[in-house]
Amino acid sequence: MSRRPARNQPIPLSESNLLASLDYDHAVLRTKQLFDAGWTLQAIGDAFTPPKGRSSVKAWVDRPAPPSTVHVDVPIPSPTYQTPRNGYQRKTPKSPGVPSEVQANLRVLAPVARGYRARMPAGHPIARANTEFDAIIKDLHDHYVSVADIARAAQVTHRAIARRLKK
């Protein structure tokens, strides 16, 4: 069974009251059942009085099953999911990547532009390479090419591209 977590939802009060009334073995079993049903470790821990930490709840979930004589007949509450079943919904468009001719140009310009210093005159070849390099990466980024794709194409670090886009 594929577990799908129900984020940012508290466990119903009736279930919290049930957990408070159970002995240790039954509470461990019920914790496993709640976790398998999709409730988060945080939500399960918060249902106890006093609240249990996520690490404690995780230890209960990972513990071997209690004796077969232990069972709880109350049905497990189902969480209400805020996202559709098909999972992750992308919020930004997928990166189209860097065209091969631009990629070749970036690889030539990147090491030259790296030598740019602010005191260089605007007409200096390194200053022109720096300006062109910056213009290309800003244009790519404006067309939804990811920073990681630009960095990979230019053979520089992600941080180097992010820093140039920030200025």
N, C-alpha and C. Protein backbone atom coordinates (compact mmCIF):
# COMPACT_ATOMS: atom_id res chain seq x y z
N MET A 1 0.85 -1.19 0.00
CA MET A 1 0.00 0.00 0.00
C MET A 1 0.88 1.24 0.00
N SER A 2 0.64 2.16 -0.90
CA SER A 2 1.40 3.40 -1.01
C SER A 2 0.85 4.40 0.01
N ARG A 3 1.73 4.91 0.85
CA ARG A 3 1.30 5.85 1.88
C ARG A 3 1.34 7.26 1.33
N ARG A 4 0.27 8.00 1.50
CA ARG A 4 0.16 9.38 1.05
C ARG A 4 -0.07 10.26 2.26
N PRO A 5 0.90 11.12 2.62
CA PRO A 5 0.74 11.91 3.84
C PRO A 5 -0.28 13.05 3.71
N ALA A 6 -1.03 13.26 4.76
CA ALA A 6 -2.02 14.34 4.83
C ALA A 6 -1.40 15.46 5.65
N ARG A 7 -0.86 16.43 5.00
CA ARG A 7 -0.11 17.49 5.68
C ARG A 7 -1.02 18.54 6.32
N ASN A 8 -0.54 19.12 7.41
CA ASN A 8 -1.18 20.24 8.10
C ASN A 8 -2.62 19.97 8.52
N GLN A 9 -2.87 18.77 8.99
CA GLN A 9 -4.21 18.44 9.47
C GLN A 9 -4.12 17.82 10.85
N PRO A 10 -4.89 18.32 11.79
CA PRO A 10 -4.90 17.68 13.10
C PRO A 10 -5.79 16.43 13.07
N ILE A 11 -5.47 15.50 13.92
CA ILE A 11 -6.29 14.29 14.05
C ILE A 11 -7.59 14.69 14.75
N PRO A 12 -8.72 14.12 14.34
CA PRO A 12 -10.01 14.48 14.97
C PRO A 12 -9.98 14.28 16.49
N LEU A 13 -10.74 15.08 17.18
CA LEU A 13 -10.80 15.04 18.64
C LEU A 13 -11.24 13.67 19.15
N SER A 14 -12.16 13.02 18.44
CA SER A 14 -12.63 11.70 18.87
C SER A 14 -11.48 10.69 18.86
N GLU A 15 -10.60 10.79 17.85
CA GLU A 15 -9.44 9.89 17.78
C GLU A 15 -8.43 10.22 18.88
N SER A 16 -8.28 11.50 19.17
CA SER A 16 -7.39 11.93 20.25
C SER A 16 -7.86 11.37 21.59
N ASN A 17 -9.16 11.42 21.81
CA ASN A 17 -9.73 10.87 23.05
C ASN A 17 -9.53 9.36 23.12
N LEU A 18 -9.69 8.69 21.98
CA LEU A 18 -9.48 7.24 21.93
C LEU A 18 -8.03 6.90 22.28
N LEU A 19 -7.07 7.65 21.70
CA LEU A 19 -5.65 7.40 21.97
C LEU A 19 -5.34 7.57 23.47
N ALA A 20 -5.98 8.55 24.10
CA ALA A 20 -5.75 8.80 25.52
C ALA A 20 -6.27 7.65 26.38
N SER A 21 -7.28 6.94 25.89
CA SER A 21 -7.88 5.87 26.69
C SER A 21 -7.20 4.51 26.50
N LEU A 22 -6.29 4.40 25.52
CA LEU A 22 -5.67 3.11 25.23
C LEU A 22 -4.45 2.83 26.10
N ASP A 23 -4.20 1.54 26.36
CA ASP A 23 -2.95 1.17 27.04
C ASP A 23 -1.82 1.21 26.03
N TYR A 24 -0.59 0.95 26.49
CA TYR A 24 0.60 1.12 25.66
C TYR A 24 0.56 0.30 24.37
N ASP A 25 0.31 -1.02 24.44
CA ASP A 25 0.32 -1.87 23.25
C ASP A 25 -0.74 -1.44 22.24
N HIS A 26 -1.92 -1.09 22.74
CA HIS A 26 -2.98 -0.65 21.85
C HIS A 26 -2.65 0.71 21.23
N ALA A 27 -2.02 1.59 21.99
CA ALA A 27 -1.64 2.91 21.48
C ALA A 27 -0.59 2.76 20.38
N VAL A 28 0.37 1.84 20.55
CA VAL A 28 1.39 1.60 19.53
C VAL A 28 0.73 1.07 18.25
N LEU A 29 -0.18 0.13 18.39
CA LEU A 29 -0.87 -0.42 17.23
C LEU A 29 -1.69 0.66 16.52
N ARG A 30 -2.41 1.45 17.30
CA ARG A 30 -3.25 2.50 16.71
C ARG A 30 -2.38 3.55 16.01
N THR A 31 -1.22 3.85 16.58
CA THR A 31 -0.28 4.79 15.97
C THR A 31 0.16 4.29 14.60
N LYS A 32 0.50 3.01 14.51
CA LYS A 32 0.89 2.41 13.22
C LYS A 32 -0.24 2.51 12.22
N GLN A 33 -1.46 2.22 12.66
CA GLN A 33 -2.61 2.27 11.76
C GLN A 33 -2.87 3.69 11.26
N LEU A 34 -2.75 4.66 12.15
CA LEU A 34 -2.95 6.06 11.75
C LEU A 34 -1.89 6.50 10.74
N PHE A 35 -0.65 6.11 11.00
CA PHE A 35 0.46 6.47 10.10
C PHE A 35 0.23 5.84 8.72
N ASP A 36 -0.14 4.57 8.70
CA ASP A 36 -0.39 3.88 7.43
C ASP A 36 -1.57 4.49 6.67
N ALA A 37 -2.52 5.06 7.41
CA ALA A 37 -3.68 5.69 6.78
C ALA A 37 -3.34 7.05 6.19
N GLY A 38 -2.16 7.60 6.51
CA GLY A 38 -1.75 8.86 5.91
C GLY A 38 -1.56 10.00 6.88
N TRP A 39 -1.83 9.80 8.16
CA TRP A 39 -1.64 10.86 9.13
C TRP A 39 -0.14 11.06 9.35
N THR A 40 0.28 12.30 9.56
CA THR A 40 1.71 12.60 9.75
C THR A 40 2.13 12.28 11.18
N LEU A 41 3.43 12.09 11.36
CA LEU A 41 3.97 11.83 12.70
C LEU A 41 3.64 12.98 13.65
N GLN A 42 3.73 14.21 13.14
CA GLN A 42 3.43 15.38 13.96
C GLN A 42 1.97 15.37 14.41
N ALA A 43 1.06 15.10 13.51
CA ALA A 43 -0.37 15.09 13.85
C ALA A 43 -0.68 14.00 14.88
N ILE A 44 -0.06 12.84 14.70
CA ILE A 44 -0.29 11.74 15.65
C ILE A 44 0.26 12.11 17.02
N GLY A 45 1.48 12.66 17.05
CA GLY A 45 2.08 13.05 18.33
C GLY A 45 1.29 14.13 19.05
N ASP A 46 0.75 15.08 18.27
CA ASP A 46 -0.03 16.17 18.87
C ASP A 46 -1.37 15.69 19.42
N ALA A 47 -1.83 14.53 18.98
CA ALA A 47 -3.11 13.99 19.45
C ALA A 47 -3.01 13.45 20.87
N PHE A 48 -1.80 13.17 21.33
CA PHE A 48 -1.62 12.66 22.69
C PHE A 48 -1.59 13.80 23.70
N THR A 49 -1.93 13.47 24.95
CA THR A 49 -1.85 14.44 26.04
C THR A 49 -0.94 13.88 27.10
N PRO A 50 0.19 14.45 27.39
CA PRO A 50 0.86 15.55 26.69
C PRO A 50 1.33 15.09 25.31
N PRO A 51 1.57 16.03 24.40
CA PRO A 51 1.97 15.66 23.04
C PRO A 51 3.29 14.88 23.02
N LYS A 52 3.38 13.93 22.11
CA LYS A 52 4.60 13.12 21.92
C LYS A 52 5.39 13.74 20.78
N GLY A 53 6.71 13.60 20.83
CA GLY A 53 7.56 14.09 19.75
C GLY A 53 7.47 13.19 18.54
N ARG A 54 7.83 13.73 17.39
CA ARG A 54 7.80 12.94 16.15
C ARG A 54 8.72 11.74 16.24
N SER A 55 9.87 11.91 16.91
CA SER A 55 10.80 10.79 17.02
C SER A 55 10.21 9.64 17.84
N SER A 56 9.46 9.97 18.87
CA SER A 56 8.81 8.92 19.67
C SER A 56 7.76 8.19 18.84
N VAL A 57 6.96 8.95 18.11
CA VAL A 57 5.93 8.35 17.29
C VAL A 57 6.56 7.49 16.20
N LYS A 58 7.66 7.97 15.60
CA LYS A 58 8.35 7.21 14.56
C LYS A 58 8.88 5.89 15.13
N ALA A 59 9.39 5.92 16.35
CA ALA A 59 9.88 4.70 16.99
C ALA A 59 8.73 3.71 17.17
N TRP A 60 7.55 4.19 17.51
CA TRP A 60 6.40 3.30 17.65
C TRP A 60 6.00 2.72 16.30
N VAL A 61 6.02 3.54 15.26
CA VAL A 61 5.64 3.09 13.92
C VAL A 61 6.62 2.03 13.43
N ASP A 62 7.90 2.21 13.74
CA ASP A 62 8.94 1.28 13.27
C ASP A 62 9.05 0.02 14.12
N ARG A 63 8.45 0.04 15.30
CA ARG A 63 8.53 -1.10 16.21
C ARG A 63 7.80 -2.31 15.62
N PRO A 64 8.31 -3.52 15.88
CA PRO A 64 7.60 -4.71 15.39
C PRO A 64 6.17 -4.76 15.93
N ALA A 65 5.31 -5.40 15.17
CA ALA A 65 3.89 -5.46 15.54
C ALA A 65 3.71 -6.11 16.92
N PRO A 66 2.80 -5.56 17.73
CA PRO A 66 2.52 -6.15 19.04
C PRO A 66 1.87 -7.54 18.87
N PRO A 67 1.70 -8.27 19.96
CA PRO A 67 1.10 -9.61 19.86
C PRO A 67 -0.24 -9.57 19.11
N SER A 68 -0.54 -10.66 18.45
CA SER A 68 -1.75 -10.71 17.62
C SER A 68 -3.03 -10.56 18.43
N THR A 69 -2.95 -10.69 19.74
CA THR A 69 -4.15 -10.55 20.56
C THR A 69 -4.55 -9.08 20.71
N VAL A 70 -3.65 -8.18 20.35
CA VAL A 70 -3.94 -6.75 20.47
C VAL A 70 -4.61 -6.26 19.19
N HIS A 71 -5.80 -5.70 19.31
CA HIS A 71 -6.47 -5.09 18.17
C HIS A 71 -7.45 -4.04 18.67
N VAL A 72 -7.71 -3.05 17.79
CA VAL A 72 -8.64 -1.97 18.11
C VAL A 72 -9.72 -2.00 17.05
N ASP A 73 -10.98 -2.13 17.46
CA ASP A 73 -12.08 -2.30 16.52
C ASP A 73 -12.63 -1.00 15.94
N VAL A 74 -12.21 0.14 16.45
CA VAL A 74 -12.73 1.43 15.98
C VAL A 74 -12.11 1.75 14.61
N PRO A 75 -12.91 2.14 13.62
CA PRO A 75 -12.36 2.44 12.30
C PRO A 75 -11.39 3.63 12.34
N ILE A 76 -10.40 3.59 11.46
CA ILE A 76 -9.39 4.65 11.38
C ILE A 76 -9.99 5.84 10.62
N PRO A 77 -9.87 7.06 11.17
CA PRO A 77 -10.39 8.22 10.44
C PRO A 77 -9.54 8.49 9.20
N SER A 78 -10.19 8.85 8.12
CA SER A 78 -9.47 9.15 6.88
C SER A 78 -9.17 10.63 6.81
N PRO A 79 -7.92 10.97 6.47
CA PRO A 79 -7.60 12.39 6.34
C PRO A 79 -8.20 12.97 5.06
N THR A 80 -8.38 14.28 5.02
CA THR A 80 -8.86 14.97 3.83
C THR A 80 -7.64 15.55 3.15
N TYR A 81 -7.40 15.12 1.92
CA TYR A 81 -6.21 15.57 1.20
C TYR A 81 -6.47 16.90 0.50
N GLN A 82 -5.46 17.77 0.54
CA GLN A 82 -5.58 19.08 -0.07
C GLN A 82 -5.11 19.08 -1.52
N THR A 83 -4.43 18.02 -1.92
CA THR A 83 -3.92 17.93 -3.29
C THR A 83 -4.56 16.74 -4.00
N PRO A 84 -4.61 16.78 -5.33
CA PRO A 84 -5.19 15.65 -6.05
C PRO A 84 -4.35 14.39 -5.91
N ARG A 85 -4.93 13.25 -6.19
CA ARG A 85 -4.29 11.95 -6.03
C ARG A 85 -3.04 11.79 -6.90
N ASN A 86 -3.03 12.45 -8.06
CA ASN A 86 -1.90 12.27 -8.96
C ASN A 86 -0.62 12.91 -8.44
N GLY A 87 -0.65 13.51 -7.25
CA GLY A 87 0.57 13.95 -6.59
C GLY A 87 0.99 15.37 -6.86
N TYR A 88 2.28 15.53 -7.02
CA TYR A 88 2.90 16.84 -7.11
C TYR A 88 2.40 17.63 -8.31
N GLN A 89 2.01 18.86 -8.07
CA GLN A 89 1.58 19.76 -9.13
C GLN A 89 2.62 20.86 -9.27
N ARG A 90 3.28 20.91 -10.41
CA ARG A 90 4.34 21.88 -10.66
C ARG A 90 3.77 23.29 -10.69
N LYS A 91 4.43 24.24 -10.00
CA LYS A 91 3.95 25.62 -9.97
C LYS A 91 4.66 26.49 -10.99
N THR A 92 5.86 26.09 -11.42
CA THR A 92 6.60 26.84 -12.43
C THR A 92 6.71 25.99 -13.69
N PRO A 93 6.84 26.65 -14.83
CA PRO A 93 6.96 25.86 -16.06
C PRO A 93 8.25 25.05 -16.07
N LYS A 94 8.23 23.93 -16.76
CA LYS A 94 9.42 23.09 -16.86
C LYS A 94 10.47 23.82 -17.69
N SER A 95 11.73 23.70 -17.28
CA SER A 95 12.82 24.37 -17.96
C SER A 95 12.99 23.81 -19.38
N PRO A 96 12.98 24.70 -20.38
CA PRO A 96 13.15 24.21 -21.75
C PRO A 96 14.58 23.82 -22.08
N GLY A 97 15.52 24.15 -21.21
CA GLY A 97 16.93 23.83 -21.46
C GLY A 97 17.61 24.92 -22.27
N VAL A 98 18.91 24.76 -22.43
CA VAL A 98 19.72 25.75 -23.14
C VAL A 98 19.98 25.23 -24.55
N PRO A 99 19.64 26.01 -25.59
CA PRO A 99 19.92 25.57 -26.96
C PRO A 99 21.42 25.34 -27.17
N SER A 100 21.78 24.41 -28.03
CA SER A 100 23.18 24.01 -28.19
C SER A 100 24.07 25.15 -28.67
N GLU A 101 23.57 26.04 -29.57
CA GLU A 101 24.41 27.15 -30.05
C GLU A 101 24.67 28.16 -28.93
N VAL A 102 23.68 28.37 -28.07
CA VAL A 102 23.85 29.27 -26.92
C VAL A 102 24.79 28.62 -25.91
N GLN A 103 24.65 27.31 -25.74
CA GLN A 103 25.50 26.58 -24.80
C GLN A 103 26.98 26.72 -25.20
N ALA A 104 27.28 26.60 -26.48
CA ALA A 104 28.66 26.76 -26.95
C ALA A 104 29.16 28.17 -26.68
N ASN A 105 28.30 29.16 -26.89
CA ASN A 105 28.68 30.55 -26.63
C ASN A 105 28.93 30.78 -25.14
N LEU A 106 28.09 30.20 -24.28
CA LEU A 106 28.28 30.35 -22.83
C LEU A 106 29.61 29.75 -22.38
N ARG A 107 29.96 28.60 -22.94
CA ARG A 107 31.21 27.94 -22.55
C ARG A 107 32.44 28.74 -22.96
N VAL A 108 32.33 29.50 -24.05
CA VAL A 108 33.44 30.36 -24.47
C VAL A 108 33.50 31.61 -23.60
N LEU A 109 32.34 32.21 -23.32
CA LEU A 109 32.29 33.47 -22.58
C LEU A 109 32.57 33.32 -21.08
N ALA A 110 32.16 32.20 -20.47
CA ALA A 110 32.24 32.03 -19.01
C ALA A 110 33.66 32.23 -18.46
N PRO A 111 34.69 31.56 -18.99
CA PRO A 111 36.02 31.77 -18.41
C PRO A 111 36.56 33.18 -18.64
N VAL A 112 36.18 33.80 -19.76
CA VAL A 112 36.63 35.17 -20.04
C VAL A 112 35.93 36.13 -19.07
N ALA A 113 34.62 35.99 -18.92
CA ALA A 113 33.84 36.88 -18.05
C ALA A 113 34.26 36.75 -16.59
N ARG A 114 34.78 35.59 -16.23
CA ARG A 114 35.22 35.38 -14.86
C ARG A 114 36.35 36.35 -14.49
N GLY A 115 37.12 36.78 -15.48
CA GLY A 115 38.24 37.69 -15.21
C GLY A 115 37.84 39.15 -15.13
N TYR A 116 36.58 39.46 -15.30
CA TYR A 116 36.12 40.85 -15.25
C TYR A 116 36.29 41.45 -13.86
N ARG A 117 36.74 42.71 -13.85
CA ARG A 117 36.84 43.49 -12.62
C ARG A 117 36.16 44.83 -12.85
N ALA A 118 35.58 45.41 -11.85
CA ALA A 118 34.80 46.64 -11.97
C ALA A 118 35.63 47.81 -12.48
N ARG A 119 36.91 47.79 -12.23
CA ARG A 119 37.74 48.92 -12.64
C ARG A 119 38.07 48.89 -14.13
N MET A 120 37.70 47.85 -14.86
CA MET A 120 37.99 47.74 -16.29
C MET A 120 37.12 48.70 -17.08
N PRO A 121 37.69 49.31 -18.13
CA PRO A 121 36.87 50.19 -18.97
C PRO A 121 35.83 49.38 -19.74
N ALA A 122 34.73 50.03 -20.09
CA ALA A 122 33.62 49.35 -20.75
C ALA A 122 34.01 48.73 -22.09
N GLY A 123 34.99 49.29 -22.78
CA GLY A 123 35.40 48.79 -24.08
C GLY A 123 36.38 47.63 -24.01
N HIS A 124 36.84 47.28 -22.84
CA HIS A 124 37.80 46.18 -22.68
C HIS A 124 37.15 44.87 -23.12
N PRO A 125 37.90 43.98 -23.81
CA PRO A 125 37.29 42.71 -24.28
C PRO A 125 36.69 41.87 -23.15
N ILE A 126 37.32 41.86 -22.00
CA ILE A 126 36.77 41.09 -20.87
C ILE A 126 35.48 41.72 -20.37
N ALA A 127 35.42 43.05 -20.34
CA ALA A 127 34.20 43.74 -19.90
C ALA A 127 33.06 43.47 -20.88
N ARG A 128 33.37 43.46 -22.18
CA ARG A 128 32.33 43.17 -23.18
C ARG A 128 31.86 41.72 -23.05
N ALA A 129 32.79 40.80 -22.81
CA ALA A 129 32.42 39.39 -22.62
C ALA A 129 31.53 39.23 -21.40
N ASN A 130 31.86 39.95 -20.33
CA ASN A 130 31.06 39.90 -19.10
C ASN A 130 29.65 40.42 -19.35
N THR A 131 29.54 41.53 -20.06
CA THR A 131 28.23 42.11 -20.36
C THR A 131 27.40 41.17 -21.23
N GLU A 132 28.04 40.57 -22.22
CA GLU A 132 27.34 39.64 -23.10
C GLU A 132 26.90 38.38 -22.34
N PHE A 133 27.79 37.87 -21.49
CA PHE A 133 27.48 36.69 -20.68
C PHE A 133 26.28 36.97 -19.77
N ASP A 134 26.30 38.13 -19.10
CA ASP A 134 25.18 38.51 -18.23
C ASP A 134 23.88 38.63 -19.02
N ALA A 135 23.93 39.23 -20.21
CA ALA A 135 22.73 39.41 -21.02
C ALA A 135 22.16 38.06 -21.45
N ILE A 136 23.04 37.13 -21.81
CA ILE A 136 22.57 35.81 -22.25
C ILE A 136 21.89 35.07 -21.10
N ILE A 137 22.54 35.06 -19.93
CA ILE A 137 21.93 34.30 -18.82
C ILE A 137 20.65 34.95 -18.33
N LYS A 138 20.56 36.27 -18.37
CA LYS A 138 19.31 36.94 -17.96
C LYS A 138 18.20 36.64 -18.96
N ASP A 139 18.53 36.60 -20.25
CA ASP A 139 17.53 36.28 -21.27
C ASP A 139 17.05 34.83 -21.11
N LEU A 140 17.99 33.93 -20.89
CA LEU A 140 17.61 32.53 -20.68
C LEU A 140 16.70 32.39 -19.46
N HIS A 141 17.08 33.06 -18.37
CA HIS A 141 16.29 32.98 -17.15
C HIS A 141 14.89 33.59 -17.34
N ASP A 142 14.81 34.66 -18.12
CA ASP A 142 13.51 35.27 -18.42
C ASP A 142 12.62 34.34 -19.24
N HIS A 143 13.24 33.39 -19.95
CA HIS A 143 12.49 32.41 -20.74
C HIS A 143 12.37 31.08 -19.99
N TYR A 144 12.40 31.16 -18.67
CA TYR A 144 12.14 30.03 -17.76
C TYR A 144 13.16 28.90 -17.83
N VAL A 145 14.37 29.19 -18.27
CA VAL A 145 15.43 28.18 -18.20
C VAL A 145 15.94 28.21 -16.76
N SER A 146 16.06 27.06 -16.15
CA SER A 146 16.45 27.01 -14.74
C SER A 146 17.91 27.41 -14.55
N VAL A 147 18.21 27.91 -13.36
CA VAL A 147 19.57 28.30 -13.02
C VAL A 147 20.51 27.09 -13.14
N ALA A 148 20.02 25.93 -12.73
CA ALA A 148 20.84 24.71 -12.81
C ALA A 148 21.19 24.38 -14.26
N ASP A 149 20.23 24.52 -15.17
CA ASP A 149 20.50 24.24 -16.59
C ASP A 149 21.49 25.24 -17.16
N ILE A 150 21.37 26.51 -16.80
CA ILE A 150 22.30 27.53 -17.28
C ILE A 150 23.70 27.24 -16.76
N ALA A 151 23.80 26.93 -15.47
CA ALA A 151 25.10 26.64 -14.87
C ALA A 151 25.75 25.43 -15.52
N ARG A 152 24.97 24.40 -15.77
CA ARG A 152 25.49 23.19 -16.42
C ARG A 152 25.99 23.50 -17.82
N ALA A 153 25.23 24.33 -18.55
CA ALA A 153 25.60 24.67 -19.92
C ALA A 153 26.87 25.51 -19.96
N ALA A 154 27.04 26.41 -19.00
CA ALA A 154 28.21 27.29 -18.96
C ALA A 154 29.40 26.65 -18.26
N GLN A 155 29.17 25.50 -17.66
CA GLN A 155 30.19 24.78 -16.89
C GLN A 155 30.74 25.63 -15.75
N VAL A 156 29.81 26.28 -15.05
CA VAL A 156 30.15 27.04 -13.85
C VAL A 156 29.22 26.57 -12.73
N THR A 157 29.42 27.09 -11.54
CA THR A 157 28.59 26.68 -10.42
C THR A 157 27.21 27.35 -10.46
N HIS A 158 26.28 26.72 -9.81
CA HIS A 158 24.93 27.25 -9.66
C HIS A 158 25.00 28.62 -8.98
N ARG A 159 25.86 28.72 -7.98
CA ARG A 159 26.01 29.96 -7.22
C ARG A 159 26.49 31.10 -8.10
N ALA A 160 27.42 30.81 -9.04
CA ALA A 160 27.94 31.85 -9.93
C ALA A 160 26.82 32.44 -10.80
N ILE A 161 25.95 31.59 -11.29
CA ILE A 161 24.84 32.07 -12.12
C ILE A 161 23.83 32.83 -11.25
N ALA A 162 23.50 32.29 -10.08
CA ALA A 162 22.54 32.95 -9.19
C ALA A 162 23.04 34.33 -8.79
N ARG A 163 24.32 34.46 -8.55
CA ARG A 163 24.90 35.75 -8.16
C ARG A 163 24.77 36.76 -9.30
N ARG A 164 25.02 36.30 -10.52
CA ARG A 164 24.91 37.21 -11.67
C ARG A 164 23.46 37.62 -11.92
N LEU A 165 22.52 36.72 -11.68
CA LEU A 165 21.11 37.06 -11.88
C LEU A 165 20.60 38.02 -10.82
N LYS A 166 21.23 38.00 -9.67
CA LYS A 166 20.80 38.85 -8.56
C LYS A 166 21.13 40.32 -8.78
N LYS A 167 22.23 40.58 -9.49
CA LYS A 167 22.65 41.99 -9.65
C LYS A 167 21.87 42.73 -10.70
